[in-house]
């Protein structure tokens, strides 16, 4: 592992993003991961939504949209897809561009007699959870000094048996890469490298309390705003009350509602996100990681390759260096 030189002329934004963790200055190898700035992917597996899926729109969507989808599916589905896709790059491309936190929303398709699990956002993905997790594991094999945080949440249609099946799948795929909760008091890159751990699994379910491989759910600051300025105001308000003690996510993802979709019929979520990224990145550049009140940790966004989102977040770690 090599680090960049301790010179104010060097920007961490210039690191190769596929291996940015191992290329950080050695001074940062002993900083807890929950004090680093880490790029994240909101609703990470929506690049493969099943365009042929005939299942009902999931119950997380507005009632009116569910009813319209039921009776006017050919008309409504194009709108659903335009606003449900939050990432266009596949999982390996996201890893290559530097994403190290993944928001994974898990579902079992209704009326599916198999035990296959999928991701979902409005509709279900064509790829199974097992396939995507195997892709992540293969990528980690080729990048042994990179660490990822996988946040499993928003479970839809999972019985206790399916939760146990998912846990077994996680164990079988990642095996010795899984970092147990007992290590969290010394969770630095140097420590994880020494132990060979590369995967931290956060799990939004009470079973996480009883399994050593599953960390408790990581708090996610969700502003529920469709304008960049309102999003920033919400985060500034939250920062005044201090950050959580461990990992937490600042969700720089704009949220549309049915009214917004209906009044912007020619637009998509991508149009909304890309138009606001300049404002959001200006605010982001002023943020600081660390343990202080107002500091940030994981920052998650949509369409994470459409701007300098990832390099901007990685570069925030310069503020933790003594020479900065």
C-alpha atoms as a PDB file:
ATOM      1  CA  UNK A   1       0.000   0.000   0.000  1.00  0.00           C
ATOM      2  CA  UNK A   2       1.342   3.388  -0.922  1.00  0.00           C
ATOM      3  CA  UNK A   3       0.180   6.775   0.227  1.00  0.00           C
ATOM      4  CA  UNK A   4       0.303  10.172  -1.365  1.00  0.00           C
ATOM      5  CA  UNK A   5       2.903  12.609  -0.172  1.00  0.00           C
ATOM      6  CA  UNK A   6       2.218  15.006   2.657  1.00  0.00           C
ATOM      7  CA  UNK A   7       2.110  18.098   0.519  1.00  0.00           C
ATOM      8  CA  UNK A   8      -0.598  20.702   0.295  1.00  0.00           C
ATOM      9  CA  UNK A   9      -0.236  20.467  -3.487  1.00  0.00           C
ATOM     10  CA  UNK A  10      -1.560  16.914  -3.523  1.00  0.00           C
ATOM     11  CA  UNK A  11      -5.314  16.397  -3.692  1.00  0.00           C
ATOM     12  CA  UNK A  12      -6.919  13.162  -2.624  1.00  0.00           C
ATOM     13  CA  UNK A  13      -9.399  13.769  -5.439  1.00  0.00           C
ATOM     14  CA  UNK A  14      -6.620  12.756  -7.829  1.00  0.00           C
ATOM     15  CA  UNK A  15      -6.259   9.266  -6.356  1.00  0.00           C
ATOM     16  CA  UNK A  16      -7.319   6.306  -8.506  1.00  0.00           C
ATOM     17  CA  UNK A  17     -10.844   5.835  -7.200  1.00  0.00           C
ATOM     18  CA  UNK A  18     -10.873   2.043  -7.544  1.00  0.00           C
ATOM     19  CA  UNK A  19      -8.278   1.826  -4.758  1.00  0.00           C
ATOM     20  CA  UNK A  20      -8.580   5.140  -2.943  1.00  0.00           C
ATOM     21  CA  UNK A  21      -8.674   3.624   0.535  1.00  0.00           C
ATOM     22  CA  UNK A  22      -5.310   1.884   0.192  1.00  0.00           C
ATOM     23  CA  UNK A  23      -3.825   5.018  -1.393  1.00  0.00           C
ATOM     24  CA  UNK A  24      -4.785   7.367   1.431  1.00  0.00           C
ATOM     25  CA  UNK A  25      -1.908   8.955   3.376  1.00  0.00           C
ATOM     26  CA  UNK A  26      -0.780   6.538   6.105  1.00  0.00           C
ATOM     27  CA  UNK A  27      -1.837   9.086   8.729  1.00  0.00           C
ATOM     28  CA  UNK A  28      -5.456   8.274   7.851  1.00  0.00           C
ATOM     29  CA  UNK A  29      -5.020   4.505   8.198  1.00  0.00           C
ATOM     30  CA  UNK A  30      -5.502   4.879  11.967  1.00  0.00           C
ATOM     31  CA  UNK A  31      -8.587   7.121  11.806  1.00  0.00           C
ATOM     32  CA  UNK A  32     -11.832   5.224  12.609  1.00  0.00           C
ATOM     33  CA  UNK A  33     -13.872   4.589   9.482  1.00  0.00           C
ATOM     34  CA  UNK A  34     -16.826   6.402  11.038  1.00  0.00           C
ATOM     35  CA  UNK A  35     -14.697   9.576  11.124  1.00  0.00           C
ATOM     36  CA  UNK A  36     -13.667   9.387   7.448  1.00  0.00           C
ATOM     37  CA  UNK A  37     -15.641  10.830   4.543  1.00  0.00           C
ATOM     38  CA  UNK A  38     -16.939   7.836   2.562  1.00  0.00           C
ATOM     39  CA  UNK A  39     -18.864   7.993  -0.759  1.00  0.00           C
ATOM     40  CA  UNK A  40     -22.133   6.071  -0.850  1.00  0.00           C
ATOM     41  CA  UNK A  41     -24.744   4.943  -3.349  1.00  0.00           C
ATOM     42  CA  UNK A  42     -28.392   5.568  -2.489  1.00  0.00           C
ATOM     43  CA  UNK A  43     -30.681   2.761  -3.699  1.00  0.00           C
ATOM     44  CA  UNK A  44     -27.629   1.213  -5.293  1.00  0.00           C
ATOM     45  CA  UNK A  45     -29.196  -1.594  -7.343  1.00  0.00           C
ATOM     46  CA  UNK A  46     -31.768   0.193  -9.495  1.00  0.00           C
ATOM     47  CA  UNK A  47     -29.729  -0.003 -12.700  1.00  0.00           C
ATOM     48  CA  UNK A  48     -31.349  -3.372 -13.415  1.00  0.00           C
ATOM     49  CA  UNK A  49     -35.034  -2.794 -12.703  1.00  0.00           C
ATOM     50  CA  UNK A  50     -37.029  -5.438 -14.550  1.00  0.00           C
ATOM     51  CA  UNK A  51     -38.743  -3.656 -17.425  1.00  0.00           C
ATOM     52  CA  UNK A  52     -40.888  -6.752 -18.023  1.00  0.00           C
ATOM     53  CA  UNK A  53     -41.961  -7.141 -14.401  1.00  0.00           C
ATOM     54  CA  UNK A  54     -45.734  -7.395 -14.085  1.00  0.00           C
ATOM     55  CA  UNK A  55     -45.780  -7.372 -10.272  1.00  0.00           C
ATOM     56  CA  UNK A  56     -47.726  -4.557  -8.578  1.00  0.00           C
ATOM     57  CA  UNK A  57     -45.888  -1.366  -7.654  1.00  0.00           C
ATOM     58  CA  UNK A  58     -44.510  -1.927  -4.151  1.00  0.00           C
ATOM     59  CA  UNK A  59     -46.399  -0.786  -1.066  1.00  0.00           C
ATOM     60  CA  UNK A  60     -43.830   1.921  -0.308  1.00  0.00           C
ATOM     61  CA  UNK A  61     -45.273   3.998  -3.161  1.00  0.00           C
ATOM     62  CA  UNK A  62     -48.221   6.441  -2.870  1.00  0.00           C
ATOM     63  CA  UNK A  63     -51.701   4.858  -2.775  1.00  0.00           C
ATOM     64  CA  UNK A  64     -52.812   6.712  -5.890  1.00  0.00           C
ATOM     65  CA  UNK A  65     -49.800   5.486  -7.854  1.00  0.00           C
ATOM     66  CA  UNK A  66     -50.536   1.904  -6.781  1.00  0.00           C
ATOM     67  CA  UNK A  67     -54.151   2.214  -7.969  1.00  0.00           C
ATOM     68  CA  UNK A  68     -53.197   3.835 -11.270  1.00  0.00           C
ATOM     69  CA  UNK A  69     -50.591   1.152 -11.863  1.00  0.00           C
ATOM     70  CA  UNK A  70     -53.133  -1.576 -11.205  1.00  0.00           C
ATOM     71  CA  UNK A  71     -55.628  -0.310 -13.788  1.00  0.00           C
ATOM     72  CA  UNK A  72     -53.418   1.656 -16.210  1.00  0.00           C
ATOM     73  CA  UNK A  73     -50.148  -0.268 -16.114  1.00  0.00           C
ATOM     74  CA  UNK A  74     -49.002   0.417 -19.741  1.00  0.00           C
ATOM     75  CA  UNK A  75     -49.469   4.152 -19.202  1.00  0.00           C
ATOM     76  CA  UNK A  76     -48.095   4.420 -15.673  1.00  0.00           C
ATOM     77  CA  UNK A  77     -45.068   2.086 -15.803  1.00  0.00           C
ATOM     78  CA  UNK A  78     -42.880   4.414 -17.942  1.00  0.00           C
ATOM     79  CA  UNK A  79     -43.332   7.102 -15.272  1.00  0.00           C
ATOM     80  CA  UNK A  80     -42.469   4.622 -12.532  1.00  0.00           C
ATOM     81  CA  UNK A  81     -39.231   3.608 -14.231  1.00  0.00           C
ATOM     82  CA  UNK A  82     -38.164   7.211 -14.937  1.00  0.00           C
ATOM     83  CA  UNK A  83     -38.454   8.073 -11.262  1.00  0.00           C
ATOM     84  CA  UNK A  84     -37.401   4.736  -9.744  1.00  0.00           C
ATOM     85  CA  UNK A  85     -33.969   4.433 -11.370  1.00  0.00           C
ATOM     86  CA  UNK A  86     -31.420   6.122  -9.093  1.00  0.00           C
ATOM     87  CA  UNK A  87     -28.209   4.575 -10.487  1.00  0.00           C
ATOM     88  CA  UNK A  88     -27.236   3.717 -14.061  1.00  0.00           C
ATOM     89  CA  UNK A  89     -23.865   2.075 -13.377  1.00  0.00           C
ATOM     90  CA  UNK A  90     -23.685  -1.575 -12.345  1.00  0.00           C
ATOM     91  CA  UNK A  91     -22.215  -2.662  -9.021  1.00  0.00           C
ATOM     92  CA  UNK A  92     -18.672  -3.207 -10.290  1.00  0.00           C
ATOM     93  CA  UNK A  93     -18.654   0.172 -12.022  1.00  0.00           C
ATOM     94  CA  UNK A  94     -19.810   1.833  -8.815  1.00  0.00           C
ATOM     95  CA  UNK A  95     -17.023   0.083  -6.900  1.00  0.00           C
ATOM     96  CA  UNK A  96     -14.475   1.097  -9.528  1.00  0.00           C
ATOM     97  CA  UNK A  97     -15.532   4.746  -9.272  1.00  0.00           C
ATOM     98  CA  UNK A  98     -14.966   4.737  -5.502  1.00  0.00           C
ATOM     99  CA  UNK A  99     -18.322   3.986  -3.869  1.00  0.00           C
ATOM    100  CA  UNK A 100     -17.806   2.139  -0.557  1.00  0.00           C
ATOM    101  CA  UNK A 101     -21.286   2.303   1.031  1.00  0.00           C
ATOM    102  CA  UNK A 102     -24.257   0.629  -0.650  1.00  0.00           C
ATOM    103  CA  UNK A 103     -27.927   1.146   0.243  1.00  0.00           C
ATOM    104  CA  UNK A 104     -29.501  -2.266  -0.504  1.00  0.00           C
ATOM    105  CA  UNK A 105     -33.290  -2.680  -0.360  1.00  0.00           C
ATOM    106  CA  UNK A 106     -34.347  -6.308  -0.307  1.00  0.00           C
ATOM    107  CA  UNK A 107     -37.596  -7.934  -1.431  1.00  0.00           C
ATOM    108  CA  UNK A 108     -39.233 -11.241  -2.188  1.00  0.00           C
ATOM    109  CA  UNK A 109     -41.504 -10.997  -5.210  1.00  0.00           C
ATOM    110  CA  UNK A 110     -45.190 -11.553  -4.408  1.00  0.00           C
ATOM    111  CA  UNK A 111     -46.561 -14.904  -5.545  1.00  0.00           C
ATOM    112  CA  UNK A 112     -43.040 -16.197  -6.213  1.00  0.00           C
ATOM    113  CA  UNK A 113     -42.772 -19.840  -5.135  1.00  0.00           C
ATOM    114  CA  UNK A 114     -38.965 -19.701  -5.141  1.00  0.00           C
ATOM    115  CA  UNK A 115     -36.778 -18.328  -2.356  1.00  0.00           C
ATOM    116  CA  UNK A 116     -34.976 -15.924  -4.700  1.00  0.00           C
ATOM    117  CA  UNK A 117     -34.514 -12.435  -3.308  1.00  0.00           C
ATOM    118  CA  UNK A 118     -34.298  -9.241  -5.352  1.00  0.00           C
ATOM    119  CA  UNK A 119     -33.724  -5.524  -4.876  1.00  0.00           C
ATOM    120  CA  UNK A 120     -36.548  -3.077  -5.447  1.00  0.00           C
ATOM    121  CA  UNK A 121     -37.514   0.556  -5.786  1.00  0.00           C
ATOM    122  CA  UNK A 122     -41.074   0.836  -6.986  1.00  0.00           C
ATOM    123  CA  UNK A 123     -40.564  -2.339  -9.034  1.00  0.00           C
ATOM    124  CA  UNK A 124     -38.224  -5.294  -8.666  1.00  0.00           C
ATOM    125  CA  UNK A 125     -34.815  -5.899 -10.204  1.00  0.00           C
ATOM    126  CA  UNK A 126     -33.988  -8.570 -12.735  1.00  0.00           C
ATOM    127  CA  UNK A 127     -30.800  -9.507 -10.852  1.00  0.00           C
ATOM    128  CA  UNK A 128     -30.992 -11.515  -7.648  1.00  0.00           C
ATOM    129  CA  UNK A 129     -29.367 -10.495  -4.383  1.00  0.00           C
ATOM    130  CA  UNK A 130     -27.085 -13.517  -4.572  1.00  0.00           C
ATOM    131  CA  UNK A 131     -25.771 -12.502  -8.010  1.00  0.00           C
ATOM    132  CA  UNK A 132     -24.957  -8.942  -6.939  1.00  0.00           C
ATOM    133  CA  UNK A 133     -23.304 -10.001  -3.670  1.00  0.00           C
ATOM    134  CA  UNK A 134     -21.144 -12.479  -5.592  1.00  0.00           C
ATOM    135  CA  UNK A 135     -20.074  -9.657  -7.929  1.00  0.00           C
ATOM    136  CA  UNK A 136     -19.067  -7.568  -4.908  1.00  0.00           C
ATOM    137  CA  UNK A 137     -17.069 -10.457  -3.443  1.00  0.00           C
ATOM    138  CA  UNK A 138     -15.273 -11.053  -6.754  1.00  0.00           C
ATOM    139  CA  UNK A 139     -14.380  -7.364  -6.940  1.00  0.00           C
ATOM    140  CA  UNK A 140     -13.033  -7.415  -3.374  1.00  0.00           C
ATOM    141  CA  UNK A 141     -10.857 -10.420  -4.238  1.00  0.00           C
ATOM    142  CA  UNK A 142      -9.183  -8.218  -6.847  1.00  0.00           C
ATOM    143  CA  UNK A 143      -8.967  -5.240  -4.433  1.00  0.00           C
ATOM    144  CA  UNK A 144      -7.860  -6.786  -1.115  1.00  0.00           C
ATOM    145  CA  UNK A 145      -7.230  -3.439   0.621  1.00  0.00           C
ATOM    146  CA  UNK A 146     -10.635  -1.874  -0.059  1.00  0.00           C
ATOM    147  CA  UNK A 147     -13.483  -2.042   2.475  1.00  0.00           C
ATOM    148  CA  UNK A 148     -17.225  -1.832   1.748  1.00  0.00           C
ATOM    149  CA  UNK A 149     -20.236  -1.167   3.945  1.00  0.00           C
ATOM    150  CA  UNK A 150     -23.408  -2.983   2.866  1.00  0.00           C
ATOM    151  CA  UNK A 151     -26.624  -1.632   4.370  1.00  0.00           C
ATOM    152  CA  UNK A 152     -29.548  -4.068   4.076  1.00  0.00           C
ATOM    153  CA  UNK A 153     -32.898  -2.382   4.774  1.00  0.00           C
ATOM    154  CA  UNK A 154     -36.508  -1.712   3.723  1.00  0.00           C
ATOM    155  CA  UNK A 155     -37.272  -5.432   3.643  1.00  0.00           C
ATOM    156  CA  UNK A 156     -40.391  -6.235   1.646  1.00  0.00           C
ATOM    157  CA  UNK A 157     -42.134  -9.596   1.781  1.00  0.00           C
ATOM    158  CA  UNK A 158     -39.431 -11.407   3.782  1.00  0.00           C
ATOM    159  CA  UNK A 159     -40.461 -14.029   6.310  1.00  0.00           C
ATOM    160  CA  UNK A 160     -38.180 -14.989   9.188  1.00  0.00           C
ATOM    161  CA  UNK A 161     -37.079 -17.984   7.112  1.00  0.00           C
ATOM    162  CA  UNK A 162     -36.099 -15.725   4.197  1.00  0.00           C
ATOM    163  CA  UNK A 163     -34.150 -13.467   6.568  1.00  0.00           C
ATOM    164  CA  UNK A 164     -32.213 -16.511   7.732  1.00  0.00           C
ATOM    165  CA  UNK A 165     -31.655 -17.572   4.129  1.00  0.00           C
ATOM    166  CA  UNK A 166     -30.292 -14.100   3.333  1.00  0.00           C
ATOM    167  CA  UNK A 167     -27.943 -14.265   6.317  1.00  0.00           C
ATOM    168  CA  UNK A 168     -26.721 -17.676   5.167  1.00  0.00           C
ATOM    169  CA  UNK A 169     -26.129 -16.265   1.674  1.00  0.00           C
ATOM    170  CA  UNK A 170     -24.137 -13.351   3.116  1.00  0.00           C
ATOM    171  CA  UNK A 171     -22.035 -15.731   5.218  1.00  0.00           C
ATOM    172  CA  UNK A 172     -21.392 -18.140   2.347  1.00  0.00           C
ATOM    173  CA  UNK A 173     -20.391 -15.458  -0.136  1.00  0.00           C
ATOM    174  CA  UNK A 174     -18.190 -13.242   2.028  1.00  0.00           C
ATOM    175  CA  UNK A 175     -16.900 -15.876   4.515  1.00  0.00           C
ATOM    176  CA  UNK A 176     -13.743 -14.548   6.195  1.00  0.00           C
ATOM    177  CA  UNK A 177     -14.184 -11.070   4.677  1.00  0.00           C
ATOM    178  CA  UNK A 178     -17.057 -10.336   7.092  1.00  0.00           C
ATOM    179  CA  UNK A 179     -16.179  -7.979   9.926  1.00  0.00           C
ATOM    180  CA  UNK A 180     -17.907  -8.921  13.225  1.00  0.00           C
ATOM    181  CA  UNK A 181     -19.401  -6.301  15.522  1.00  0.00           C
ATOM    182  CA  UNK A 182     -16.791  -7.044  18.182  1.00  0.00           C
ATOM    183  CA  UNK A 183     -14.159  -5.166  16.138  1.00  0.00           C
ATOM    184  CA  UNK A 184     -16.073  -1.880  16.026  1.00  0.00           C
ATOM    185  CA  UNK A 185     -14.055  -0.261  18.861  1.00  0.00           C
ATOM    186  CA  UNK A 186     -10.927  -0.340  16.691  1.00  0.00           C
ATOM    187  CA  UNK A 187     -12.409  -0.069  13.247  1.00  0.00           C
ATOM    188  CA  UNK A 188      -9.580   1.528  11.276  1.00  0.00           C
ATOM    189  CA  UNK A 189      -8.215   0.640   7.870  1.00  0.00           C
ATOM    190  CA  UNK A 190      -4.956  -0.569   9.400  1.00  0.00           C
ATOM    191  CA  UNK A 191      -6.821  -2.846  11.811  1.00  0.00           C
ATOM    192  CA  UNK A 192      -9.124  -4.239   9.129  1.00  0.00           C
ATOM    193  CA  UNK A 193      -6.202  -4.910   6.787  1.00  0.00           C
ATOM    194  CA  UNK A 194      -4.374  -6.781   9.551  1.00  0.00           C
ATOM    195  CA  UNK A 195      -7.430  -8.981  10.206  1.00  0.00           C
ATOM    196  CA  UNK A 196      -8.369  -9.463   6.561  1.00  0.00           C
ATOM    197  CA  UNK A 197     -11.858  -7.972   6.938  1.00  0.00           C
ATOM    198  CA  UNK A 198     -13.373  -6.156   3.953  1.00  0.00           C
ATOM    199  CA  UNK A 199     -17.159  -6.214   4.476  1.00  0.00           C
ATOM    200  CA  UNK A 200     -19.273  -4.504   7.148  1.00  0.00           C
ATOM    201  CA  UNK A 201     -22.932  -5.541   7.012  1.00  0.00           C
ATOM    202  CA  UNK A 202     -25.556  -3.219   8.506  1.00  0.00           C
ATOM    203  CA  UNK A 203     -28.959  -4.897   8.892  1.00  0.00           C
ATOM    204  CA  UNK A 204     -32.248  -3.107   9.616  1.00  0.00           C
ATOM    205  CA  UNK A 205     -33.962  -5.944  11.463  1.00  0.00           C
ATOM    206  CA  UNK A 206     -34.056  -7.154  15.050  1.00  0.00           C
ATOM    207  CA  UNK A 207     -32.152 -10.327  14.097  1.00  0.00           C
ATOM    208  CA  UNK A 208     -29.025  -8.161  13.844  1.00  0.00           C
ATOM    209  CA  UNK A 209     -28.866  -8.193  17.646  1.00  0.00           C
ATOM    210  CA  UNK A 210     -28.324 -11.945  17.710  1.00  0.00           C
ATOM    211  CA  UNK A 211     -25.765 -12.502  14.957  1.00  0.00           C
ATOM    212  CA  UNK A 212     -22.158 -11.374  15.276  1.00  0.00           C
ATOM    213  CA  UNK A 213     -21.787 -10.655  11.551  1.00  0.00           C
ATOM    214  CA  UNK A 214     -24.687  -8.192  11.451  1.00  0.00           C
ATOM    215  CA  UNK A 215     -24.176  -4.640  12.635  1.00  0.00           C
ATOM    216  CA  UNK A 216     -27.138  -2.581  13.807  1.00  0.00           C
ATOM    217  CA  UNK A 217     -28.767  -0.404  11.191  1.00  0.00           C
ATOM    218  CA  UNK A 218     -26.727   2.665  10.262  1.00  0.00           C
ATOM    219  CA  UNK A 219     -28.688   5.927  10.756  1.00  0.00           C
ATOM    220  CA  UNK A 220     -29.596   7.646   7.480  1.00  0.00           C
ATOM    221  CA  UNK A 221     -30.282  11.390   7.362  1.00  0.00           C
ATOM    222  CA  UNK A 222     -33.109  11.611   4.826  1.00  0.00           C
ATOM    223  CA  UNK A 223     -34.361  15.134   4.191  1.00  0.00           C
ATOM    224  CA  UNK A 224     -37.378  14.260   1.973  1.00  0.00           C
ATOM    225  CA  UNK A 225     -36.928  17.386  -0.171  1.00  0.00           C
ATOM    226  CA  UNK A 226     -37.074  17.957  -3.917  1.00  0.00           C
ATOM    227  CA  UNK A 227     -35.008  21.164  -3.963  1.00  0.00           C
ATOM    228  CA  UNK A 228     -31.288  21.424  -3.274  1.00  0.00           C
ATOM    229  CA  UNK A 229     -31.624  24.487  -1.056  1.00  0.00           C
ATOM    230  CA  UNK A 230     -34.242  22.802   1.146  1.00  0.00           C
ATOM    231  CA  UNK A 231     -32.034  19.691   1.391  1.00  0.00           C
ATOM    232  CA  UNK A 232     -29.064  21.783   2.524  1.00  0.00           C
ATOM    233  CA  UNK A 233     -31.170  23.684   5.084  1.00  0.00           C
ATOM    234  CA  UNK A 234     -32.349  20.392   6.589  1.00  0.00           C
ATOM    235  CA  UNK A 235     -28.797  19.058   6.912  1.00  0.00           C
ATOM    236  CA  UNK A 236     -27.515  22.292   8.438  1.00  0.00           C
ATOM    237  CA  UNK A 237     -30.283  22.042  11.032  1.00  0.00           C
ATOM    238  CA  UNK A 238     -29.372  18.433  11.855  1.00  0.00           C
ATOM    239  CA  UNK A 239     -25.668  19.235  12.101  1.00  0.00           C
ATOM    240  CA  UNK A 240     -26.368  21.698  14.908  1.00  0.00           C
ATOM    241  CA  UNK A 241     -27.551  18.798  17.079  1.00  0.00           C
ATOM    242  CA  UNK A 242     -24.390  16.777  16.536  1.00  0.00           C
ATOM    243  CA  UNK A 243     -23.526  13.630  14.670  1.00  0.00           C
ATOM    244  CA  UNK A 244     -24.224  10.054  15.855  1.00  0.00           C
ATOM    245  CA  UNK A 245     -21.326   8.338  17.581  1.00  0.00           C
ATOM    246  CA  UNK A 246     -20.670   5.675  14.951  1.00  0.00           C
ATOM    247  CA  UNK A 247     -21.400   5.333  11.253  1.00  0.00           C
ATOM    248  CA  UNK A 248     -24.126   7.532   9.800  1.00  0.00           C
ATOM    249  CA  UNK A 249     -25.229   8.534   6.333  1.00  0.00           C
ATOM    250  CA  UNK A 250     -26.061  11.960   4.950  1.00  0.00           C
ATOM    251  CA  UNK A 251     -28.447  11.197   2.099  1.00  0.00           C
ATOM    252  CA  UNK A 252     -27.869  13.791  -0.604  1.00  0.00           C
ATOM    253  CA  UNK A 253     -30.762  12.288  -2.544  1.00  0.00           C
ATOM    254  CA  UNK A 254     -33.654  14.449  -3.637  1.00  0.00           C
ATOM    255  CA  UNK A 255     -37.129  13.020  -3.131  1.00  0.00           C
ATOM    256  CA  UNK A 256     -39.966  13.606  -5.555  1.00  0.00           C
ATOM    257  CA  UNK A 257     -43.639  13.054  -4.721  1.00  0.00           C
ATOM    258  CA  UNK A 258     -46.590  12.215  -6.947  1.00  0.00           C
ATOM    259  CA  UNK A 259     -47.467  15.895  -7.332  1.00  0.00           C
ATOM    260  CA  UNK A 260     -43.966  16.725  -8.536  1.00  0.00           C
ATOM    261  CA  UNK A 261     -43.982  13.814 -11.011  1.00  0.00           C
ATOM    262  CA  UNK A 262     -47.355  14.813 -12.443  1.00  0.00           C
ATOM    263  CA  UNK A 263     -46.338  18.463 -12.847  1.00  0.00           C
ATOM    264  CA  UNK A 264     -43.050  17.515 -14.559  1.00  0.00           C
ATOM    265  CA  UNK A 265     -44.255  14.842 -17.023  1.00  0.00           C
ATOM    266  CA  UNK A 266     -41.279  15.139 -19.399  1.00  0.00           C
ATOM    267  CA  UNK A 267     -38.619  14.954 -16.681  1.00  0.00           C
ATOM    268  CA  UNK A 268     -36.986  12.093 -14.793  1.00  0.00           C
ATOM    269  CA  UNK A 269     -35.210  11.696 -11.484  1.00  0.00           C
ATOM    270  CA  UNK A 270     -31.907  11.957 -13.346  1.00  0.00           C
ATOM    271  CA  UNK A 271     -32.930  15.356 -14.741  1.00  0.00           C
ATOM    272  CA  UNK A 272     -33.786  16.546 -11.241  1.00  0.00           C
ATOM    273  CA  UNK A 273     -30.557  15.243  -9.706  1.00  0.00           C
ATOM    274  CA  UNK A 274     -28.144  16.482 -12.372  1.00  0.00           C
ATOM    275  CA  UNK A 275     -29.679  19.961 -12.363  1.00  0.00           C
ATOM    276  CA  UNK A 276     -29.060  20.315  -8.624  1.00  0.00           C
ATOM    277  CA  UNK A 277     -25.622  18.701  -8.342  1.00  0.00           C
ATOM    278  CA  UNK A 278     -23.691  21.995  -8.839  1.00  0.00           C
ATOM    279  CA  UNK A 279     -25.441  23.529  -5.807  1.00  0.00           C
ATOM    280  CA  UNK A 280     -25.082  20.380  -3.709  1.00  0.00           C
ATOM    281  CA  UNK A 281     -21.385  19.936  -4.529  1.00  0.00           C
ATOM    282  CA  UNK A 282     -20.624  23.542  -3.584  1.00  0.00           C
ATOM    283  CA  UNK A 283     -22.115  22.838  -0.164  1.00  0.00           C
ATOM    284  CA  UNK A 284     -20.391  19.461   0.053  1.00  0.00           C
ATOM    285  CA  UNK A 285     -16.918  20.947  -0.511  1.00  0.00           C
ATOM    286  CA  UNK A 286     -17.374  23.015   2.643  1.00  0.00           C
ATOM    287  CA  UNK A 287     -18.093  20.001   4.864  1.00  0.00           C
ATOM    288  CA  UNK A 288     -15.648  18.283   7.211  1.00  0.00           C
ATOM    289  CA  UNK A 289     -15.362  14.667   8.339  1.00  0.00           C
ATOM    290  CA  UNK A 290     -14.281  13.713  11.852  1.00  0.00           C
ATOM    291  CA  UNK A 291     -15.746  13.488  15.344  1.00  0.00           C
ATOM    292  CA  UNK A 292     -16.774  17.104  15.913  1.00  0.00           C
ATOM    293  CA  UNK A 293     -20.305  18.497  16.018  1.00  0.00           C
ATOM    294  CA  UNK A 294     -21.359  19.154  12.435  1.00  0.00           C
ATOM    295  CA  UNK A 295     -18.952  16.682  10.840  1.00  0.00           C
ATOM    296  CA  UNK A 296     -20.113  14.176   8.233  1.00  0.00           C
ATOM    297  CA  UNK A 297     -19.245  10.526   7.602  1.00  0.00           C
ATOM    298  CA  UNK A 298     -20.880   8.556   4.771  1.00  0.00           C
ATOM    299  CA  UNK A 299     -22.403  10.732   2.038  1.00  0.00           C
ATOM    300  CA  UNK A 300     -24.778   8.936  -0.341  1.00  0.00           C
ATOM    301  CA  UNK A 301     -26.198  10.197  -3.609  1.00  0.00           C
ATOM    302  CA  UNK A 302     -28.004   9.264  -6.806  1.00  0.00           C
ATOM    303  CA  UNK A 303     -26.371   8.914 -10.249  1.00  0.00           C
ATOM    304  CA  UNK A 304     -23.016   8.999  -8.518  1.00  0.00           C
ATOM    305  CA  UNK A 305     -20.933   9.127 -11.737  1.00  0.00           C
ATOM    306  CA  UNK A 306     -22.727  12.124 -13.238  1.00  0.00           C
ATOM    307  CA  UNK A 307     -20.482  14.677 -11.500  1.00  0.00           C
ATOM    308  CA  UNK A 308     -17.398  14.927  -9.302  1.00  0.00           C
ATOM    309  CA  UNK A 309     -19.471  13.499  -6.437  1.00  0.00           C
ATOM    310  CA  UNK A 310     -17.046  10.721  -5.401  1.00  0.00           C
ATOM    311  CA  UNK A 311     -13.708  12.605  -5.730  1.00  0.00           C
ATOM    312  CA  UNK A 312     -15.217  15.561  -3.858  1.00  0.00           C
ATOM    313  CA  UNK A 313     -16.102  13.315  -0.907  1.00  0.00           C
ATOM    314  CA  UNK A 314     -12.740  11.515  -0.862  1.00  0.00           C
ATOM    315  CA  UNK A 315     -10.947  14.888  -0.939  1.00  0.00           C
ATOM    316  CA  UNK A 316     -12.756  15.949   2.266  1.00  0.00           C
ATOM    317  CA  UNK A 317     -10.397  13.605   4.135  1.00  0.00           C
ATOM    318  CA  UNK A 318      -7.573  16.071   3.483  1.00  0.00           C
ATOM    319  CA  UNK A 319      -9.100  18.137   6.279  1.00  0.00           C
ATOM    320  CA  UNK A 320      -8.167  15.396   8.764  1.00  0.00           C
ATOM    321  CA  UNK A 321      -4.457  15.646   7.931  1.00  0.00           C
ATOM    322  CA  UNK A 322      -2.155  17.642  10.180  1.00  0.00           C
ATOM    323  CA  UNK A 323      -0.576  19.361   7.204  1.00  0.00           C
ATOM    324  CA  UNK A 324      -3.874  20.565   5.733  1.00  0.00           C
END
